């Protein structure tokens, strides 16, 4: 298993932000984390990446506890992309992607042919080769997000954690990013965990879904099973129904505008 966690718990002061979270991923799997605001999605991603010390339990990469690994060793296996990554606007895509090789190059070694090949592969995989000399300020929202994903790929990490990768993007760019995520999984074998707000996007692109509420795991399974569970309506306090699009496609959740008042 490339990434697992067992009874992972995180505290912020007296508050238990994540309580006994369990996860087990197959190579090349896309796992969506969904849940209301404050449910623990971002906390789970940061704990999996070793950016937060757990209060209990542990995360492991290929069977090795994340807490026992150095930041550099983690970065060679796992790349984490936060909601709003920052870099100077005048930086080019090529410069940003080159930074992704730091876990392999370090401070004092020059870039070898192997590093240059990894950079070229990352740019090609995200469709940015022809745009490599553009600065970040020249990019559309979708292009900028692809640039950050390209930098993560340059790490040659087999695991990619994405925190709300489609937030703040127009619908066209959202589709563009999700298509890239799907291709990375299916064509490159990258294992992906992404926190995402849009339920239908999660259902459409993921192999399995983990539903969090108040820091607790409420559901872990295939999208169709979630659609049949009734948990979407209960957890998000909305009225709606799942509509079959096609026999071989996951159902689409058609939400009504009226919210359920006083729902559990």
C-alpha atoms as a PDB file:
ATOM      1  CA  UNK A   1       0.000   0.000   0.000  1.00  0.00           C
ATOM      2  CA  UNK A   2       1.564   3.360  -0.962  1.00  0.00           C
ATOM      3  CA  UNK A   3      -0.246   5.312   1.777  1.00  0.00           C
ATOM      4  CA  UNK A   4      -2.146   4.216   4.888  1.00  0.00           C
ATOM      5  CA  UNK A   5      -3.168   5.620   8.233  1.00  0.00           C
ATOM      6  CA  UNK A   6      -4.579   3.976  11.320  1.00  0.00           C
ATOM      7  CA  UNK A   7      -6.568   5.668  14.099  1.00  0.00           C
ATOM      8  CA  UNK A   8      -5.066   9.015  13.094  1.00  0.00           C
ATOM      9  CA  UNK A   9      -6.142  11.801  15.464  1.00  0.00           C
ATOM     10  CA  UNK A  10      -5.212  15.493  15.578  1.00  0.00           C
ATOM     11  CA  UNK A  11      -5.874  18.045  18.316  1.00  0.00           C
ATOM     12  CA  UNK A  12      -5.860  21.836  18.094  1.00  0.00           C
ATOM     13  CA  UNK A  13      -5.644  22.712  21.768  1.00  0.00           C
ATOM     14  CA  UNK A  14      -8.635  21.095  23.482  1.00  0.00           C
ATOM     15  CA  UNK A  15     -10.469  20.510  20.186  1.00  0.00           C
ATOM     16  CA  UNK A  16     -10.237  17.121  18.473  1.00  0.00           C
ATOM     17  CA  UNK A  17     -10.059  18.093  14.804  1.00  0.00           C
ATOM     18  CA  UNK A  18      -9.566  14.551  13.499  1.00  0.00           C
ATOM     19  CA  UNK A  19     -10.691  11.491  15.416  1.00  0.00           C
ATOM     20  CA  UNK A  20      -9.480   7.984  14.553  1.00  0.00           C
ATOM     21  CA  UNK A  21      -9.166   8.542  10.786  1.00  0.00           C
ATOM     22  CA  UNK A  22      -8.496   5.388   8.734  1.00  0.00           C
ATOM     23  CA  UNK A  23      -7.219   5.237   5.160  1.00  0.00           C
ATOM     24  CA  UNK A  24      -5.716   2.602   2.896  1.00  0.00           C
ATOM     25  CA  UNK A  25      -4.878   3.350  -0.725  1.00  0.00           C
ATOM     26  CA  UNK A  26      -4.011   1.250  -3.750  1.00  0.00           C
ATOM     27  CA  UNK A  27      -1.386   2.396  -6.256  1.00  0.00           C
ATOM     28  CA  UNK A  28      -2.966   4.697  -8.853  1.00  0.00           C
ATOM     29  CA  UNK A  29      -6.144   5.173  -6.826  1.00  0.00           C
ATOM     30  CA  UNK A  30      -7.997   8.483  -6.667  1.00  0.00           C
ATOM     31  CA  UNK A  31      -9.514   9.059  -3.232  1.00  0.00           C
ATOM     32  CA  UNK A  32     -11.796  12.038  -2.621  1.00  0.00           C
ATOM     33  CA  UNK A  33     -12.224  13.521   0.849  1.00  0.00           C
ATOM     34  CA  UNK A  34     -15.561  15.291   1.192  1.00  0.00           C
ATOM     35  CA  UNK A  35     -17.437  16.866   4.060  1.00  0.00           C
ATOM     36  CA  UNK A  36     -18.804  20.178   5.359  1.00  0.00           C
ATOM     37  CA  UNK A  37     -16.474  23.061   6.218  1.00  0.00           C
ATOM     38  CA  UNK A  38     -14.530  22.234   9.345  1.00  0.00           C
ATOM     39  CA  UNK A  39     -15.017  18.482   8.923  1.00  0.00           C
ATOM     40  CA  UNK A  40     -11.278  17.738   8.998  1.00  0.00           C
ATOM     41  CA  UNK A  41     -10.427  17.317   5.302  1.00  0.00           C
ATOM     42  CA  UNK A  42      -7.454  19.707   5.253  1.00  0.00           C
ATOM     43  CA  UNK A  43      -6.305  18.490   8.650  1.00  0.00           C
ATOM     44  CA  UNK A  44      -6.320  14.902   7.364  1.00  0.00           C
ATOM     45  CA  UNK A  45      -4.209  15.844   4.339  1.00  0.00           C
ATOM     46  CA  UNK A  46      -1.677  17.734   6.459  1.00  0.00           C
ATOM     47  CA  UNK A  47      -1.430  14.857   8.912  1.00  0.00           C
ATOM     48  CA  UNK A  48      -0.901  12.385   6.058  1.00  0.00           C
ATOM     49  CA  UNK A  49       1.875  14.628   4.736  1.00  0.00           C
ATOM     50  CA  UNK A  50       3.559  14.801   8.128  1.00  0.00           C
ATOM     51  CA  UNK A  51       2.954  18.533   8.458  1.00  0.00           C
ATOM     52  CA  UNK A  52       0.961  18.079  11.680  1.00  0.00           C
ATOM     53  CA  UNK A  53       2.044  15.861  14.550  1.00  0.00           C
ATOM     54  CA  UNK A  54      -0.820  13.489  15.366  1.00  0.00           C
ATOM     55  CA  UNK A  55      -2.212  13.190  18.866  1.00  0.00           C
ATOM     56  CA  UNK A  56      -2.737   9.492  18.220  1.00  0.00           C
ATOM     57  CA  UNK A  57      -2.344   6.853  15.525  1.00  0.00           C
ATOM     58  CA  UNK A  58      -0.007   7.170  12.587  1.00  0.00           C
ATOM     59  CA  UNK A  59       0.293   7.610   8.835  1.00  0.00           C
ATOM     60  CA  UNK A  60       2.667   5.417   6.845  1.00  0.00           C
ATOM     61  CA  UNK A  61       4.187   5.584   3.370  1.00  0.00           C
ATOM     62  CA  UNK A  62       4.961   2.146   1.941  1.00  0.00           C
ATOM     63  CA  UNK A  63       4.818   0.749   5.461  1.00  0.00           C
ATOM     64  CA  UNK A  64       7.194   3.319   7.001  1.00  0.00           C
ATOM     65  CA  UNK A  65       5.752   5.653   9.629  1.00  0.00           C
ATOM     66  CA  UNK A  66       5.684   9.234   8.346  1.00  0.00           C
ATOM     67  CA  UNK A  67       6.713  10.504  11.794  1.00  0.00           C
ATOM     68  CA  UNK A  68      10.000   8.593  11.482  1.00  0.00           C
ATOM     69  CA  UNK A  69      10.893  10.071   8.082  1.00  0.00           C
ATOM     70  CA  UNK A  70      12.796  13.264   7.322  1.00  0.00           C
ATOM     71  CA  UNK A  71      11.061  16.014   5.351  1.00  0.00           C
ATOM     72  CA  UNK A  72      13.322  15.277   2.401  1.00  0.00           C
ATOM     73  CA  UNK A  73      12.545  11.556   2.499  1.00  0.00           C
ATOM     74  CA  UNK A  74       8.816  12.309   2.629  1.00  0.00           C
ATOM     75  CA  UNK A  75       9.119  14.704  -0.316  1.00  0.00           C
ATOM     76  CA  UNK A  76      10.666  11.986  -2.440  1.00  0.00           C
ATOM     77  CA  UNK A  77       7.567   9.859  -1.927  1.00  0.00           C
ATOM     78  CA  UNK A  78       4.743  12.348  -1.431  1.00  0.00           C
ATOM     79  CA  UNK A  79       3.864  15.795  -2.783  1.00  0.00           C
ATOM     80  CA  UNK A  80       1.373  18.063  -1.028  1.00  0.00           C
ATOM     81  CA  UNK A  81      -0.360  20.968  -2.761  1.00  0.00           C
ATOM     82  CA  UNK A  82      -2.217  23.319  -0.374  1.00  0.00           C
ATOM     83  CA  UNK A  83      -5.288  25.345  -1.277  1.00  0.00           C
ATOM     84  CA  UNK A  84      -3.459  28.569  -2.121  1.00  0.00           C
ATOM     85  CA  UNK A  85       0.246  27.959  -2.789  1.00  0.00           C
ATOM     86  CA  UNK A  86       2.315  31.110  -3.179  1.00  0.00           C
ATOM     87  CA  UNK A  87       5.260  32.054  -5.364  1.00  0.00           C
ATOM     88  CA  UNK A  88       6.538  35.357  -6.858  1.00  0.00           C
ATOM     89  CA  UNK A  89       4.456  36.425  -9.866  1.00  0.00           C
ATOM     90  CA  UNK A  90       7.607  37.002 -11.921  1.00  0.00           C
ATOM     91  CA  UNK A  91       8.695  33.371 -11.530  1.00  0.00           C
ATOM     92  CA  UNK A  92       8.341  31.315 -14.700  1.00  0.00           C
ATOM     93  CA  UNK A  93       6.678  27.934 -14.923  1.00  0.00           C
ATOM     94  CA  UNK A  94      10.058  26.358 -15.643  1.00  0.00           C
ATOM     95  CA  UNK A  95      11.580  27.916 -12.527  1.00  0.00           C
ATOM     96  CA  UNK A  96       8.679  26.776 -10.378  1.00  0.00           C
ATOM     97  CA  UNK A  97       8.851  23.221 -11.693  1.00  0.00           C
ATOM     98  CA  UNK A  98      12.627  23.104 -11.176  1.00  0.00           C
ATOM     99  CA  UNK A  99      12.024  23.795  -7.501  1.00  0.00           C
ATOM    100  CA  UNK A 100      10.184  20.491  -7.366  1.00  0.00           C
ATOM    101  CA  UNK A 101      13.527  18.704  -7.810  1.00  0.00           C
ATOM    102  CA  UNK A 102      14.945  20.115  -4.567  1.00  0.00           C
ATOM    103  CA  UNK A 103      14.335  16.912  -2.540  1.00  0.00           C
ATOM    104  CA  UNK A 104      16.597  15.085  -5.000  1.00  0.00           C
ATOM    105  CA  UNK A 105      19.149  17.825  -5.729  1.00  0.00           C
ATOM    106  CA  UNK A 106      19.588  19.600  -2.388  1.00  0.00           C
ATOM    107  CA  UNK A 107      21.526  22.804  -1.810  1.00  0.00           C
ATOM    108  CA  UNK A 108      24.913  21.989  -3.228  1.00  0.00           C
ATOM    109  CA  UNK A 109      24.454  19.572  -6.126  1.00  0.00           C
ATOM    110  CA  UNK A 110      23.912  20.765  -9.683  1.00  0.00           C
ATOM    111  CA  UNK A 111      21.040  19.441 -11.753  1.00  0.00           C
ATOM    112  CA  UNK A 112      21.973  16.192 -13.484  1.00  0.00           C
ATOM    113  CA  UNK A 113      20.494  14.782 -16.666  1.00  0.00           C
ATOM    114  CA  UNK A 114      18.094  12.703 -14.559  1.00  0.00           C
ATOM    115  CA  UNK A 115      16.740  15.889 -12.959  1.00  0.00           C
ATOM    116  CA  UNK A 116      16.297  17.617 -16.310  1.00  0.00           C
ATOM    117  CA  UNK A 117      14.408  14.579 -17.619  1.00  0.00           C
ATOM    118  CA  UNK A 118      12.091  14.663 -14.598  1.00  0.00           C
ATOM    119  CA  UNK A 119      11.370  18.347 -15.190  1.00  0.00           C
ATOM    120  CA  UNK A 120      10.667  17.735 -18.870  1.00  0.00           C
ATOM    121  CA  UNK A 121       8.350  14.845 -17.957  1.00  0.00           C
ATOM    122  CA  UNK A 122       6.455  16.960 -15.425  1.00  0.00           C
ATOM    123  CA  UNK A 123       5.932  19.783 -17.934  1.00  0.00           C
ATOM    124  CA  UNK A 124       4.868  17.369 -20.671  1.00  0.00           C
ATOM    125  CA  UNK A 125       2.486  15.473 -18.372  1.00  0.00           C
ATOM    126  CA  UNK A 126       0.646  18.686 -17.504  1.00  0.00           C
ATOM    127  CA  UNK A 127       0.672  20.104 -21.049  1.00  0.00           C
ATOM    128  CA  UNK A 128       2.902  23.036 -20.121  1.00  0.00           C
ATOM    129  CA  UNK A 129       6.025  22.454 -22.220  1.00  0.00           C
ATOM    130  CA  UNK A 130       5.167  25.251 -24.660  1.00  0.00           C
ATOM    131  CA  UNK A 131       4.346  27.638 -21.790  1.00  0.00           C
ATOM    132  CA  UNK A 132       7.441  26.954 -19.687  1.00  0.00           C
ATOM    133  CA  UNK A 133       8.890  30.456 -20.139  1.00  0.00           C
ATOM    134  CA  UNK A 134       5.718  32.271 -19.125  1.00  0.00           C
ATOM    135  CA  UNK A 135       5.576  33.950 -15.730  1.00  0.00           C
ATOM    136  CA  UNK A 136       2.937  32.971 -13.204  1.00  0.00           C
ATOM    137  CA  UNK A 137       1.231  36.356 -13.542  1.00  0.00           C
ATOM    138  CA  UNK A 138       0.613  35.643 -17.241  1.00  0.00           C
ATOM    139  CA  UNK A 139      -1.280  32.423 -16.562  1.00  0.00           C
ATOM    140  CA  UNK A 140      -4.971  31.680 -16.332  1.00  0.00           C
ATOM    141  CA  UNK A 141      -6.271  30.085 -13.152  1.00  0.00           C
ATOM    142  CA  UNK A 142      -6.251  26.624 -14.707  1.00  0.00           C
ATOM    143  CA  UNK A 143      -2.744  27.052 -16.099  1.00  0.00           C
ATOM    144  CA  UNK A 144      -1.445  28.241 -12.734  1.00  0.00           C
ATOM    145  CA  UNK A 145      -2.944  25.216 -10.973  1.00  0.00           C
ATOM    146  CA  UNK A 146      -1.421  22.930 -13.590  1.00  0.00           C
ATOM    147  CA  UNK A 147       1.946  24.620 -12.997  1.00  0.00           C
ATOM    148  CA  UNK A 148       1.784  23.811  -9.300  1.00  0.00           C
ATOM    149  CA  UNK A 149       0.796  20.219 -10.034  1.00  0.00           C
ATOM    150  CA  UNK A 150       3.698  20.041 -12.482  1.00  0.00           C
ATOM    151  CA  UNK A 151       6.080  21.193  -9.733  1.00  0.00           C
ATOM    152  CA  UNK A 152       4.702  18.450  -7.495  1.00  0.00           C
ATOM    153  CA  UNK A 153       5.199  15.874 -10.248  1.00  0.00           C
ATOM    154  CA  UNK A 154       8.812  16.962 -10.696  1.00  0.00           C
ATOM    155  CA  UNK A 155       9.416  15.542  -7.229  1.00  0.00           C
ATOM    156  CA  UNK A 156       8.689  12.149  -8.835  1.00  0.00           C
ATOM    157  CA  UNK A 157       6.503  11.419  -5.844  1.00  0.00           C
ATOM    158  CA  UNK A 158       4.134   8.526  -6.350  1.00  0.00           C
ATOM    159  CA  UNK A 159       1.582  10.078  -4.002  1.00  0.00           C
ATOM    160  CA  UNK A 160      -0.096  13.436  -4.614  1.00  0.00           C
ATOM    161  CA  UNK A 161      -2.203  15.192  -1.959  1.00  0.00           C
ATOM    162  CA  UNK A 162      -4.395  18.021  -3.256  1.00  0.00           C
ATOM    163  CA  UNK A 163      -6.328  20.391  -1.001  1.00  0.00           C
ATOM    164  CA  UNK A 164      -9.307  21.802  -2.920  1.00  0.00           C
ATOM    165  CA  UNK A 165      -7.548  21.785  -6.333  1.00  0.00           C
ATOM    166  CA  UNK A 166     -10.577  23.239  -8.160  1.00  0.00           C
ATOM    167  CA  UNK A 167     -11.480  26.000  -5.689  1.00  0.00           C
ATOM    168  CA  UNK A 168     -11.609  29.535  -7.107  1.00  0.00           C
ATOM    169  CA  UNK A 169     -11.535  28.224 -10.689  1.00  0.00           C
ATOM    170  CA  UNK A 170     -14.121  28.738 -13.413  1.00  0.00           C
ATOM    171  CA  UNK A 171     -15.939  25.564 -14.447  1.00  0.00           C
ATOM    172  CA  UNK A 172     -13.826  25.096 -17.566  1.00  0.00           C
ATOM    173  CA  UNK A 173     -10.602  25.184 -15.559  1.00  0.00           C
ATOM    174  CA  UNK A 174     -12.121  22.845 -12.962  1.00  0.00           C
ATOM    175  CA  UNK A 175     -12.757  20.265 -15.673  1.00  0.00           C
ATOM    176  CA  UNK A 176      -9.227  20.811 -16.992  1.00  0.00           C
ATOM    177  CA  UNK A 177      -7.651  20.132 -13.587  1.00  0.00           C
ATOM    178  CA  UNK A 178      -9.833  17.091 -12.872  1.00  0.00           C
ATOM    179  CA  UNK A 179      -9.018  15.645 -16.283  1.00  0.00           C
ATOM    180  CA  UNK A 180      -5.321  16.056 -15.457  1.00  0.00           C
ATOM    181  CA  UNK A 181      -5.812  14.329 -12.087  1.00  0.00           C
ATOM    182  CA  UNK A 182      -7.554  11.419 -13.808  1.00  0.00           C
ATOM    183  CA  UNK A 183      -4.829  11.073 -16.445  1.00  0.00           C
ATOM    184  CA  UNK A 184      -2.061  11.136 -13.839  1.00  0.00           C
ATOM    185  CA  UNK A 185      -3.759   8.299 -12.011  1.00  0.00           C
ATOM    186  CA  UNK A 186      -4.576   6.144 -15.014  1.00  0.00           C
ATOM    187  CA  UNK A 187      -1.558   6.810 -17.243  1.00  0.00           C
ATOM    188  CA  UNK A 188       1.213   7.490 -14.713  1.00  0.00           C
ATOM    189  CA  UNK A 189       0.063   5.399 -11.766  1.00  0.00           C
ATOM    190  CA  UNK A 190       0.101   8.347  -9.365  1.00  0.00           C
ATOM    191  CA  UNK A 191      -1.894   7.751  -6.165  1.00  0.00           C
ATOM    192  CA  UNK A 192      -4.042  10.805  -5.423  1.00  0.00           C
ATOM    193  CA  UNK A 193      -5.931  11.999  -2.361  1.00  0.00           C
ATOM    194  CA  UNK A 194      -7.856  15.232  -2.817  1.00  0.00           C
ATOM    195  CA  UNK A 195     -10.112  17.237  -0.562  1.00  0.00           C
ATOM    196  CA  UNK A 196     -12.938  18.595  -2.689  1.00  0.00           C
ATOM    197  CA  UNK A 197     -16.198  20.467  -2.096  1.00  0.00           C
ATOM    198  CA  UNK A 198     -18.132  19.540  -5.207  1.00  0.00           C
ATOM    199  CA  UNK A 199     -19.929  16.242  -4.576  1.00  0.00           C
ATOM    200  CA  UNK A 200     -20.526  15.498  -8.250  1.00  0.00           C
ATOM    201  CA  UNK A 201     -16.880  16.119  -9.126  1.00  0.00           C
ATOM    202  CA  UNK A 202     -15.865  13.753  -6.342  1.00  0.00           C
ATOM    203  CA  UNK A 203     -18.274  11.077  -7.596  1.00  0.00           C
ATOM    204  CA  UNK A 204     -17.212  11.516 -11.220  1.00  0.00           C
ATOM    205  CA  UNK A 205     -13.437  11.310 -10.817  1.00  0.00           C
ATOM    206  CA  UNK A 206     -12.703   9.223  -7.710  1.00  0.00           C
ATOM    207  CA  UNK A 207     -12.418   5.483  -7.204  1.00  0.00           C
ATOM    208  CA  UNK A 208     -13.405   5.746  -3.548  1.00  0.00           C
ATOM    209  CA  UNK A 209     -14.777   8.499  -1.323  1.00  0.00           C
ATOM    210  CA  UNK A 210     -14.162   9.224   2.356  1.00  0.00           C
ATOM    211  CA  UNK A 211     -16.856  11.349   3.982  1.00  0.00           C
ATOM    212  CA  UNK A 212     -15.809  13.295   7.072  1.00  0.00           C
ATOM    213  CA  UNK A 213     -18.030  15.107   9.545  1.00  0.00           C
ATOM    214  CA  UNK A 214     -16.800  16.849  12.695  1.00  0.00           C
ATOM    215  CA  UNK A 215     -13.471  15.106  12.371  1.00  0.00           C
ATOM    216  CA  UNK A 216     -14.952  11.613  12.176  1.00  0.00           C
ATOM    217  CA  UNK A 217     -15.064   9.244   9.226  1.00  0.00           C
ATOM    218  CA  UNK A 218     -18.735   8.653   8.359  1.00  0.00           C
ATOM    219  CA  UNK A 219     -18.304   6.730   5.107  1.00  0.00           C
ATOM    220  CA  UNK A 220     -15.509   5.047   3.178  1.00  0.00           C
ATOM    221  CA  UNK A 221     -16.365   3.290  -0.063  1.00  0.00           C
ATOM    222  CA  UNK A 222     -17.244   3.505  -3.733  1.00  0.00           C
ATOM    223  CA  UNK A 223     -19.167   6.510  -5.111  1.00  0.00           C
ATOM    224  CA  UNK A 224     -22.269   4.490  -6.001  1.00  0.00           C
ATOM    225  CA  UNK A 225     -22.494   3.101  -2.475  1.00  0.00           C
ATOM    226  CA  UNK A 226     -22.347   6.636  -1.109  1.00  0.00           C
ATOM    227  CA  UNK A 227     -25.137   7.666  -3.476  1.00  0.00           C
ATOM    228  CA  UNK A 228     -27.322   4.892  -2.078  1.00  0.00           C
ATOM    229  CA  UNK A 229     -26.507   5.539   1.589  1.00  0.00           C
ATOM    230  CA  UNK A 230     -28.525   8.717   2.205  1.00  0.00           C
ATOM    231  CA  UNK A 231     -25.525  10.272   3.955  1.00  0.00           C
ATOM    232  CA  UNK A 232     -25.149  13.175   1.515  1.00  0.00           C
ATOM    233  CA  UNK A 233     -28.564  14.576   2.403  1.00  0.00           C
ATOM    234  CA  UNK A 234     -28.038  14.010   6.126  1.00  0.00           C
ATOM    235  CA  UNK A 235     -24.460  15.316   6.372  1.00  0.00           C
ATOM    236  CA  UNK A 236     -24.836  18.391   4.174  1.00  0.00           C
ATOM    237  CA  UNK A 237     -28.415  19.120   5.267  1.00  0.00           C
ATOM    238  CA  UNK A 238     -29.738  19.417   1.736  1.00  0.00           C
ATOM    239  CA  UNK A 239     -32.617  17.955  -0.193  1.00  0.00           C
ATOM    240  CA  UNK A 240     -31.809  16.244  -3.437  1.00  0.00           C
ATOM    241  CA  UNK A 241     -31.718  13.021  -5.361  1.00  0.00           C
ATOM    242  CA  UNK A 242     -29.231  10.987  -7.315  1.00  0.00           C
ATOM    243  CA  UNK A 243     -30.001  10.723 -11.015  1.00  0.00           C
ATOM    244  CA  UNK A 244     -28.696   7.900 -13.203  1.00  0.00           C
ATOM    245  CA  UNK A 245     -26.864   9.403 -16.168  1.00  0.00           C
ATOM    246  CA  UNK A 246     -25.980   6.102 -17.849  1.00  0.00           C
ATOM    247  CA  UNK A 247     -25.693   2.474 -16.704  1.00  0.00           C
ATOM    248  CA  UNK A 248     -21.882   2.574 -16.825  1.00  0.00           C
ATOM    249  CA  UNK A 249     -21.549   6.049 -15.268  1.00  0.00           C
ATOM    250  CA  UNK A 250     -21.771   7.138 -11.615  1.00  0.00           C
ATOM    251  CA  UNK A 251     -25.005   8.872 -10.565  1.00  0.00           C
ATOM    252  CA  UNK A 252     -25.276  12.643 -10.478  1.00  0.00           C
ATOM    253  CA  UNK A 253     -26.565  14.362  -7.329  1.00  0.00           C
ATOM    254  CA  UNK A 254     -29.326  16.826  -8.208  1.00  0.00           C
ATOM    255  CA  UNK A 255     -29.603  19.138  -5.203  1.00  0.00           C
ATOM    256  CA  UNK A 256     -32.669  21.229  -4.479  1.00  0.00           C
ATOM    257  CA  UNK A 257     -32.243  24.845  -3.411  1.00  0.00           C
ATOM    258  CA  UNK A 258     -34.263  24.455  -0.215  1.00  0.00           C
ATOM    259  CA  UNK A 259     -32.117  23.386   2.730  1.00  0.00           C
ATOM    260  CA  UNK A 260     -33.381  20.994   5.337  1.00  0.00           C
ATOM    261  CA  UNK A 261     -33.993  22.924   8.532  1.00  0.00           C
ATOM    262  CA  UNK A 262     -33.378  21.207  11.837  1.00  0.00           C
ATOM    263  CA  UNK A 263     -31.962  18.087  10.180  1.00  0.00           C
ATOM    264  CA  UNK A 264     -29.685  15.853  12.213  1.00  0.00           C
END
